Protein backbone atom coordinates (compact mmCIF):
# COMPACT_ATOMS: atom_id res chain seq x y z
CA MET A 1 70.39 123.31 116.16
CA SER A 2 72.85 120.52 115.41
CA LYS A 3 71.43 117.49 113.62
CA VAL A 4 71.89 113.84 114.48
CA SER A 5 73.01 111.52 111.69
CA ASN A 6 70.81 108.42 111.60
CA PHE A 7 72.95 105.39 110.81
CA THR A 8 70.22 102.83 111.50
CA GLU A 9 68.49 103.09 108.11
CA GLY A 10 69.32 103.30 104.41
CA LYS A 11 72.62 102.58 102.70
CA ILE A 12 75.75 101.69 104.63
CA PHE A 13 78.89 102.00 102.52
CA SER A 14 78.59 105.56 101.21
CA PRO A 15 77.49 107.07 104.57
CA LEU A 16 80.31 105.12 106.24
CA LEU A 17 82.88 106.64 103.88
CA LYS A 18 81.38 110.12 104.23
CA PHE A 19 81.63 109.80 107.99
CA ALA A 20 85.10 108.20 108.03
CA ILE A 21 86.81 110.66 105.67
CA PRO A 22 86.37 113.75 107.91
CA ILE A 23 87.54 111.63 110.87
CA LEU A 24 90.61 110.64 108.83
CA LEU A 25 91.37 114.24 107.95
CA ALA A 26 90.85 115.38 111.54
CA LEU A 27 93.14 112.63 112.84
CA PHE A 28 95.68 113.57 110.18
CA LEU A 29 95.70 117.18 111.30
CA GLN A 30 95.79 116.18 114.96
CA THR A 31 98.77 113.92 114.27
CA MET A 32 100.40 116.87 112.54
CA TYR A 33 100.75 118.52 115.97
CA GLY A 34 103.59 116.25 117.04
CA ALA A 35 104.81 115.62 113.50
CA VAL A 36 105.23 119.30 112.67
CA ASP A 37 107.10 119.75 115.96
CA LEU A 38 109.51 116.99 114.97
CA LEU A 39 109.78 118.08 111.35
CA ILE A 40 110.66 121.69 112.14
CA VAL A 41 112.95 120.78 115.05
CA GLY A 42 114.66 118.31 112.70
CA GLN A 43 115.33 121.08 110.20
CA PHE A 44 116.49 123.72 112.69
CA GLY A 45 118.01 121.55 115.43
CA ASN A 46 120.28 118.55 115.89
CA ALA A 47 119.83 114.83 116.65
CA ALA A 48 119.56 115.54 120.40
CA ASP A 49 116.68 117.98 119.79
CA VAL A 50 114.93 115.40 117.59
CA SER A 51 115.39 112.75 120.30
CA ALA A 52 113.95 115.10 122.95
CA VAL A 53 110.82 115.92 120.94
CA SER A 54 110.29 112.32 119.82
CA THR A 55 110.62 110.95 123.36
CA GLY A 56 108.57 113.72 124.98
CA SER A 57 105.81 113.55 122.38
CA GLN A 58 105.59 109.77 122.81
CA VAL A 59 104.97 110.28 126.52
CA MET A 60 102.27 112.88 125.84
CA MET A 61 100.74 110.71 123.12
CA THR A 62 100.35 107.92 125.66
CA ILE A 63 98.37 110.28 127.87
CA THR A 64 96.32 111.49 124.91
CA VAL A 65 95.34 108.00 123.76
CA ILE A 66 94.21 107.15 127.30
CA ILE A 67 92.00 110.24 127.36
CA THR A 68 90.70 109.46 123.88
CA GLY A 69 89.88 105.93 125.03
CA LEU A 70 87.92 107.25 128.00
CA THR A 71 85.93 109.64 125.81
CA MET A 72 84.89 106.67 123.67
CA GLY A 73 82.60 105.91 126.62
CA LEU A 74 80.83 109.18 125.76
CA THR A 75 80.64 108.39 122.05
CA ILE A 76 79.26 104.89 122.60
CA LEU A 77 76.69 105.90 125.22
CA ILE A 78 75.46 108.95 123.28
CA GLY A 79 75.14 106.82 120.14
CA GLN A 80 73.22 104.11 121.99
CA LYS A 81 70.85 106.62 123.62
CA LEU A 82 70.13 108.22 120.26
CA GLY A 83 69.65 104.78 118.68
CA GLU A 84 67.13 103.99 121.42
CA GLY A 85 65.37 107.29 120.71
CA ASN A 86 66.20 108.60 124.20
CA SER A 87 67.71 111.99 123.34
CA LYS A 88 66.89 113.48 126.76
CA GLU A 89 69.39 111.25 128.54
CA ALA A 90 72.04 112.09 125.93
CA GLY A 91 72.38 115.54 127.51
CA ASN A 92 72.92 113.99 130.92
CA VAL A 93 75.58 111.74 129.42
CA VAL A 94 77.49 114.83 128.29
CA GLY A 95 77.10 116.42 131.73
CA SER A 96 78.45 113.34 133.47
CA GLY A 97 81.34 113.21 131.02
CA ILE A 98 82.37 116.80 131.72
CA SER A 99 82.33 116.12 135.47
CA ILE A 100 84.52 113.04 135.11
CA PHE A 101 87.06 114.64 132.80
CA ALA A 102 87.42 117.86 134.80
CA ILE A 103 88.89 115.80 137.63
CA ILE A 104 91.07 113.82 135.22
CA ALA A 105 92.51 117.03 133.70
CA ILE A 106 93.59 118.32 137.11
CA LEU A 107 95.21 115.01 138.08
CA ILE A 108 97.14 114.72 134.80
CA THR A 109 98.48 118.27 135.05
CA VAL A 110 99.71 117.89 138.63
CA LEU A 111 101.18 114.40 138.24
CA ILE A 112 102.95 114.77 134.88
CA VAL A 113 104.44 118.20 135.64
CA SER A 114 105.67 116.94 139.02
CA PHE A 115 107.19 113.74 137.64
CA ALA A 116 108.53 114.92 134.28
CA SER A 117 112.13 114.24 135.29
CA PRO A 118 111.57 110.69 136.63
CA ILE A 119 109.50 109.93 133.50
CA SER A 120 112.39 111.05 131.29
CA THR A 121 114.75 108.87 133.32
CA PHE A 122 112.38 105.90 132.96
CA MET A 123 112.43 106.47 129.19
CA HIS A 124 116.24 106.08 129.20
CA THR A 125 116.45 109.44 127.47
CA PRO A 126 119.96 110.05 126.07
CA LYS A 127 121.85 112.46 128.33
CA GLU A 128 122.31 114.91 125.44
CA ALA A 129 118.51 115.26 125.20
CA PHE A 130 117.47 114.83 128.86
CA ASP A 131 116.90 118.46 129.94
CA SER A 132 115.04 119.31 126.72
CA THR A 133 112.82 116.25 127.10
CA VAL A 134 111.88 117.20 130.66
CA MET A 135 110.96 120.73 129.61
CA TYR A 136 108.92 119.49 126.62
CA ILE A 137 106.88 117.18 128.88
CA LYS A 138 106.31 119.88 131.52
CA VAL A 139 105.08 122.47 129.02
CA CYS A 140 102.76 120.03 127.23
CA ALA A 141 101.39 118.65 130.51
CA SER A 142 100.60 122.19 131.66
CA GLY A 143 98.07 122.34 128.83
CA SER A 144 96.38 119.03 129.70
CA ILE A 145 93.06 120.83 130.21
CA PHE A 146 92.97 121.54 126.48
CA ILE A 147 93.84 117.94 125.56
CA VAL A 148 90.98 116.71 127.74
CA ALA A 149 88.48 119.34 126.57
CA TYR A 150 89.23 118.67 122.91
CA ASN A 151 88.62 114.95 123.31
CA ILE A 152 85.35 115.48 125.21
CA ILE A 153 84.03 117.68 122.42
CA GLY A 154 85.22 115.26 119.75
CA GLY A 155 83.55 112.36 121.57
CA VAL A 156 80.23 114.23 121.67
CA PHE A 157 80.36 115.14 117.98
CA ARG A 158 81.15 111.56 116.96
CA GLY A 159 78.26 110.29 119.06
CA LEU A 160 76.00 112.67 117.13
CA GLY A 161 77.35 111.33 113.84
CA ASP A 162 79.09 114.66 113.12
CA SER A 163 82.67 114.18 111.97
CA LYS A 164 82.96 117.44 110.00
CA THR A 165 82.94 119.98 112.84
CA PRO A 166 86.03 118.54 114.61
CA LEU A 167 87.77 118.58 111.22
CA ILE A 168 87.20 122.31 110.82
CA THR A 169 88.43 123.22 114.31
CA VAL A 170 91.49 120.97 114.26
CA GLY A 171 92.39 122.24 110.78
CA ILE A 172 92.61 125.82 112.01
CA ALA A 173 94.50 124.68 115.11
CA CYS A 174 97.01 122.77 112.99
CA VAL A 175 97.79 125.86 110.94
CA THR A 176 98.29 127.72 114.22
CA ASN A 177 100.71 125.04 115.40
CA ILE A 178 102.78 125.29 112.23
CA ILE A 179 103.01 129.08 112.56
CA GLY A 180 103.91 128.73 116.25
CA ASP A 181 106.66 126.20 115.46
CA LEU A 182 108.16 128.43 112.80
CA ILE A 183 108.20 131.36 115.22
CA PHE A 184 109.35 129.64 118.42
CA VAL A 185 111.68 127.06 116.87
CA GLY A 186 112.73 128.66 113.58
CA ILE A 187 113.06 132.29 114.64
CA PHE A 188 113.61 132.24 118.41
CA LYS A 189 115.59 128.95 118.35
CA MET A 190 113.69 127.56 121.36
CA ALA A 191 113.97 123.95 120.06
CA ALA A 192 111.91 121.44 122.08
CA THR A 193 110.44 124.06 124.44
CA GLY A 194 109.25 126.15 121.52
CA ALA A 195 107.66 123.10 119.89
CA ALA A 196 105.76 122.34 123.11
CA LEU A 197 104.52 125.94 123.43
CA ALA A 198 103.25 125.88 119.84
CA THR A 199 101.39 122.62 120.48
CA ILE A 200 99.61 123.93 123.59
CA MET A 201 98.64 127.14 121.82
CA ALA A 202 97.14 125.16 118.94
CA GLN A 203 95.13 122.88 121.25
CA ALA A 204 93.75 125.86 123.15
CA ILE A 205 92.54 127.48 119.94
CA SER A 206 90.91 124.21 118.84
CA VAL A 207 88.89 124.02 122.07
CA ILE A 208 87.84 127.67 121.93
CA LEU A 209 86.63 127.31 118.34
CA SER A 210 84.69 124.15 119.19
CA VAL A 211 82.90 125.86 122.11
CA ILE A 212 81.98 128.82 119.90
CA ILE A 213 80.53 126.50 117.25
CA ILE A 214 78.51 124.57 119.85
CA LYS A 215 77.08 127.79 121.30
CA LYS A 216 76.13 129.00 117.84
CA ARG A 217 74.54 125.76 116.60
CA GLY A 218 73.25 124.34 119.84
CA LEU A 219 72.87 120.63 120.60
CA PRO A 220 70.07 118.30 119.41
CA PHE A 221 69.12 117.55 123.02
CA GLU A 222 68.52 119.41 126.25
CA PHE A 223 71.74 120.52 127.92
CA SER A 224 72.50 123.23 130.48
CA ARG A 225 74.84 123.91 133.38
CA LYS A 226 72.50 121.89 135.60
CA SER A 227 73.32 118.87 133.44
CA ILE A 228 76.97 119.04 134.53
CA LYS A 229 77.01 116.64 137.45
CA PHE A 230 77.51 112.96 138.19
CA HIS A 231 74.28 111.34 136.99
CA LYS A 232 73.62 108.02 138.64
CA GLY A 233 73.82 105.14 136.20
CA LEU A 234 75.18 107.21 133.32
CA THR A 235 78.47 108.08 135.03
CA SER A 236 79.17 104.44 135.78
CA LYS A 237 78.33 103.43 132.20
CA ILE A 238 80.72 106.02 130.73
CA ILE A 239 83.44 104.63 132.98
CA LYS A 240 82.40 101.04 132.21
CA TYR A 241 82.62 101.61 128.44
CA GLY A 242 85.56 104.00 128.40
CA THR A 243 87.92 102.56 131.01
CA PRO A 244 88.67 99.25 129.23
CA ILE A 245 89.35 101.13 125.98
CA ALA A 246 91.57 103.63 127.81
CA LEU A 247 93.46 100.85 129.58
CA GLN A 248 93.89 98.92 126.37
CA ASP A 249 95.04 101.96 124.39
CA GLY A 250 97.27 103.15 127.22
CA LEU A 251 98.91 99.79 127.80
CA VAL A 252 99.37 99.23 124.07
CA HIS A 253 101.02 102.62 123.78
CA LEU A 254 103.10 101.77 126.82
CA SER A 255 104.43 98.80 124.87
CA PHE A 256 105.58 101.25 122.19
CA LEU A 257 107.23 103.33 124.90
CA VAL A 258 109.15 100.21 125.89
CA ILE A 259 110.36 99.93 122.31
CA MET A 260 111.36 103.60 122.50
CA ILE A 261 113.29 102.80 125.68
CA ILE A 262 115.09 99.99 123.84
CA GLY A 263 115.95 102.44 121.05
CA ASN A 264 117.11 105.10 123.53
CA SER A 265 119.44 102.60 125.20
CA MET A 266 121.03 101.92 121.79
CA GLY A 267 122.17 105.54 121.41
CA VAL A 268 121.03 108.88 120.06
CA ILE A 269 120.84 107.80 116.37
CA PRO A 270 118.58 104.76 116.95
CA SER A 271 116.58 106.88 119.41
CA ALA A 272 116.04 109.63 116.84
CA GLY A 273 115.40 107.03 114.11
CA ILE A 274 112.66 105.27 116.06
CA GLY A 275 111.22 108.65 117.02
CA VAL A 276 110.98 109.71 113.37
CA ALA A 277 109.55 106.30 112.41
CA GLU A 278 106.89 106.44 115.13
CA LYS A 279 105.76 109.85 113.90
CA LEU A 280 105.44 108.49 110.37
CA VAL A 281 103.65 105.40 111.66
CA GLY A 282 101.19 107.76 113.32
CA PHE A 283 100.18 108.89 109.84
CA ILE A 284 100.28 105.42 108.33
CA MET A 285 97.83 104.10 110.92
CA LEU A 286 95.37 106.96 110.48
CA ILE A 287 93.27 105.14 107.88
CA PRO A 288 92.50 102.05 109.99
CA SER A 289 92.05 104.32 113.04
CA SER A 290 89.49 106.47 111.23
CA PHE A 291 87.55 103.41 110.10
CA SER A 292 87.66 102.09 113.66
CA GLN A 293 86.07 105.27 115.03
CA ALA A 294 83.52 105.39 112.22
CA VAL A 295 82.55 101.75 112.80
CA SER A 296 82.13 102.44 116.53
CA ALA A 297 79.68 105.28 115.91
CA PHE A 298 77.74 103.33 113.24
CA VAL A 299 77.53 100.14 115.29
CA ALA A 300 76.62 101.97 118.52
CA GLN A 301 73.44 103.37 116.95
CA ASN A 302 72.50 100.07 115.29
CA TYR A 303 73.28 98.11 118.44
CA GLY A 304 71.00 100.46 120.41
CA ALA A 305 68.28 99.88 117.79
CA LYS A 306 68.94 96.09 117.97
CA LYS A 307 69.86 95.95 114.26
CA TYR A 308 72.72 93.51 114.74
CA HIS A 309 72.61 92.22 111.16
CA ARG A 310 73.23 95.75 109.90
CA SER A 311 76.08 96.18 112.39
CA ARG A 312 77.87 93.16 110.96
CA LYS A 313 77.52 94.54 107.43
CA VAL A 314 79.13 97.79 108.58
CA LEU A 315 82.14 95.76 109.73
CA VAL A 316 82.46 93.91 106.40
CA TYR A 317 82.34 97.13 104.38
CA ALA A 318 84.85 98.85 106.65
CA ILE A 319 87.38 96.01 106.49
CA SER A 320 87.12 95.87 102.69
CA ALA A 321 87.80 99.59 102.26
CA SER A 322 90.50 99.73 104.93
CA LEU A 323 92.34 96.73 103.48
CA CYS A 324 92.51 98.31 100.03
CA CYS A 325 94.18 101.35 101.59
CA GLY A 326 96.45 99.08 103.63
CA VAL A 327 97.94 97.53 100.49
CA VAL A 328 98.91 100.98 99.21
CA MET A 329 100.41 102.01 102.55
CA PHE A 330 102.41 98.76 102.69
CA TYR A 331 104.04 99.52 99.33
CA ILE A 332 104.90 103.12 100.22
CA THR A 333 106.23 102.32 103.69
CA PHE A 334 108.24 99.20 102.88
CA PHE A 335 109.83 100.31 99.61
CA HIS A 336 109.99 104.12 99.95
CA GLY A 337 110.20 104.73 103.68
CA ASN A 338 113.50 106.57 103.27
CA LEU A 339 111.76 109.33 101.30
CA LEU A 340 109.20 109.74 104.08
CA ALA A 341 111.84 109.76 106.84
CA GLY A 342 113.87 112.32 104.89
CA MET A 343 111.12 114.88 105.50
CA PHE A 344 111.74 114.73 109.25
CA SER A 345 115.51 114.70 109.47
CA LYS A 346 118.48 115.87 107.42
CA ASP A 347 120.77 113.35 109.15
CA LYS A 348 121.33 110.39 106.77
CA ASP A 349 122.00 107.95 109.61
CA VAL A 350 118.73 108.89 111.31
CA VAL A 351 116.83 108.49 108.01
CA LEU A 352 118.25 105.00 107.39
CA ALA A 353 117.52 103.93 110.98
CA ALA A 354 113.92 105.16 110.65
CA TRP A 355 113.39 103.36 107.33
CA GLU A 356 114.74 100.09 108.70
CA TYR A 357 112.30 100.25 111.61
CA MET A 358 109.38 101.31 109.40
CA LYS A 359 109.62 98.27 107.11
CA ALA A 360 108.06 96.15 109.84
CA TYR A 361 105.16 98.58 110.06
CA GLY A 362 104.64 98.22 106.33
CA ILE A 363 103.68 94.60 107.02
CA ASP A 364 101.49 95.72 109.90
CA CYS A 365 99.47 97.98 107.56
CA LEU A 366 97.86 94.87 106.05
CA LEU A 367 96.93 93.44 109.45
CA THR A 368 95.68 96.57 111.22
CA ALA A 369 93.20 97.14 108.37
CA ILE A 370 91.35 94.12 109.75
CA MET A 371 92.09 94.37 113.46
CA PHE A 372 91.21 98.06 113.94
CA CYS A 373 87.82 97.65 112.25
CA MET A 374 86.98 94.67 114.45
CA VAL A 375 87.96 96.64 117.54
CA GLY A 376 85.67 99.46 116.38
CA TYR A 377 82.83 96.94 116.01
CA PHE A 378 83.28 95.56 119.53
CA ASN A 379 83.51 99.09 120.98
CA GLY A 380 80.23 100.02 119.30
CA CYS A 381 78.62 96.93 120.82
CA GLY A 382 79.87 98.01 124.24
CA LYS A 383 82.15 94.96 124.49
CA THR A 384 85.06 97.08 125.62
CA THR A 385 86.33 94.62 128.22
CA PHE A 386 87.20 92.15 125.47
CA VAL A 387 88.90 94.95 123.52
CA MET A 388 91.04 95.64 126.58
CA ILE A 389 91.93 91.97 127.06
CA GLN A 390 92.99 91.32 123.47
CA GLY A 391 95.00 94.56 123.43
CA ILE A 392 96.86 93.66 126.61
CA ILE A 393 97.60 90.15 125.34
CA GLY A 394 99.00 91.59 122.11
CA ALA A 395 101.09 94.23 123.89
CA PHE A 396 102.48 92.32 126.85
CA GLY A 397 102.21 88.78 125.58
CA VAL A 398 103.82 89.42 122.20
CA ARG A 399 105.04 92.94 121.37
CA ILE A 400 107.18 93.70 124.43
CA PRO A 401 108.85 90.27 124.86
CA VAL A 402 109.49 89.84 121.12
CA SER A 403 110.96 93.35 120.72
CA TYR A 404 113.20 92.76 123.75
CA ILE A 405 114.41 89.39 122.44
CA MET A 406 115.09 90.87 118.99
CA SER A 407 117.11 93.70 120.57
CA LYS A 408 119.45 91.10 122.09
CA ILE A 409 120.08 89.12 118.90
CA LEU A 410 123.34 90.19 117.24
CA PRO A 411 123.68 91.96 114.92
CA VAL A 412 120.91 94.18 116.31
CA SER A 413 118.41 95.23 113.65
CA LEU A 414 115.65 97.82 114.10
CA PHE A 415 113.65 95.89 111.48
CA LYS A 416 113.72 92.78 113.68
CA VAL A 417 112.73 94.86 116.72
CA GLY A 418 109.86 96.35 114.71
CA LEU A 419 108.58 92.90 113.67
CA ALA A 420 107.16 92.53 117.17
CA THR A 421 104.29 94.82 116.14
CA PRO A 422 102.84 92.84 113.17
CA MET A 423 103.31 89.64 115.18
CA SER A 424 101.17 91.02 118.01
CA THR A 425 98.54 92.30 115.56
CA PHE A 426 98.25 88.83 114.00
CA VAL A 427 97.58 87.27 117.40
CA GLN A 428 94.97 89.95 118.16
CA ILE A 429 93.16 89.24 114.88
CA ILE A 430 92.86 85.57 115.81
CA LEU A 431 91.35 86.54 119.18
CA CYS A 432 88.95 89.02 117.54
CA VAL A 433 87.70 86.48 114.99
CA ILE A 434 87.00 83.91 117.70
CA TYR A 435 85.10 86.42 119.84
CA PHE A 436 83.20 87.76 116.81
CA MET A 437 81.88 84.27 116.07
CA ILE A 438 80.79 83.80 119.69
CA LEU A 439 79.13 87.23 119.87
CA SER A 440 77.37 86.86 116.49
CA LYS A 441 75.84 83.57 117.58
CA LYS A 442 74.55 85.18 120.77
CA LEU A 443 73.14 88.30 119.09
CA SER A 444 71.42 86.35 116.30
CA LYS A 445 69.13 84.81 118.93
CA GLU A 446 68.08 88.25 120.22
CA GLU A 447 67.62 89.98 116.87
CA THR A 448 64.30 90.50 115.15
CA PRO A 449 64.28 88.69 111.76
CA VAL A 450 65.52 91.05 109.04
CA ASP A 451 62.95 92.07 106.43
CA ILE A 452 63.87 91.21 102.79
CA THR A 453 62.97 94.73 101.63
CA TYR A 454 65.26 96.21 104.29
CA GLN A 455 68.19 94.06 103.12
CA VAL A 456 67.67 95.23 99.52
CA GLN A 457 67.46 98.89 100.52
CA GLU A 458 70.72 98.85 102.50
CA GLN A 459 72.66 97.64 99.49
């Protein structure tokens, strides 16, 4: 029987790190899916192949982050039910989640496969890479059921406080993806199509392994086929919590697609350069992302138990640790980004274009260390509507207009275009701090006075 990690008592910092590290490693391996595709295609193909994979994977990543955002509704609600001591309803939460996402998987498959060509046109894909981009999107979208299933399972595990099991399954899947890329792309020279096939195969294996592990260990609450239905109240709460996060993540990622469109309209070299940079940024942002997910799970349980004081301490510890890592990532990205980009392309022009764009993200590393942790805190509290609002303001109020304006200022610089991202993050931090102060004042009135002994123990 699987065990539930209790985050409502005892120390905070060490359990937070122990929980965040497996999430970080799992996210790293998951990010490797698209990165390995690009890396191997970059070594065996040309700039057009790199552009096709970078553009196609950005489209699929947008879909994935929306699904991941929706499954946060599962994580939050399971964590809150366990924090309340109501494990029976946790099983019904999972059943409702499966029902919701089964429909979503079907819709995504039909829509994306049908509209792969118009999507590629919308992305201003260079003509040299157009056909390959369409095929990459179609193949990946055909495996949407595995993307959805993987995120459901991951959401359940995080709600249980288990971040190690997803790490194991995604690790094996990542190795499978690398082998598949080497075979399809390296040996059979299938370029973008081969990379897509390898990705789908890896995701399928990840889901199968996860199901086997669940059947072997069981779940720490009652769950059966009868649980798989739309439970009144729970279904609406999953949607209520998950939809704002999904909208926020999706719209934010859409803003990055707009930047990709700007890069594509500049030619195949800038397009490939931004594509390589975005893959590297995916790795750079893993640390704040892992802390964000860890904070959500920690805070969800403590919020359910009405331990708001403890929830705020979780946030402080997370920001401190994430910021230390952010300083290191800033140095590596800003001053040595060319070495990182060189791993993904052998074209010197592409490498220089990627490094120029990445310098702006080096600055953003310092800001996201704060912003991502605050977003995780608000998600754990169930304040996902605010998370959506601040994300949309950052994306459409700052990132898109600033990147567009910078692309029109001569001489055009990818660094200036990239500066739109740290500027939007700075605005979002201001919004988060203001809302945090308002929320803290409200929760302090509802909270039971914290015992002195309890405060000493949690240190």
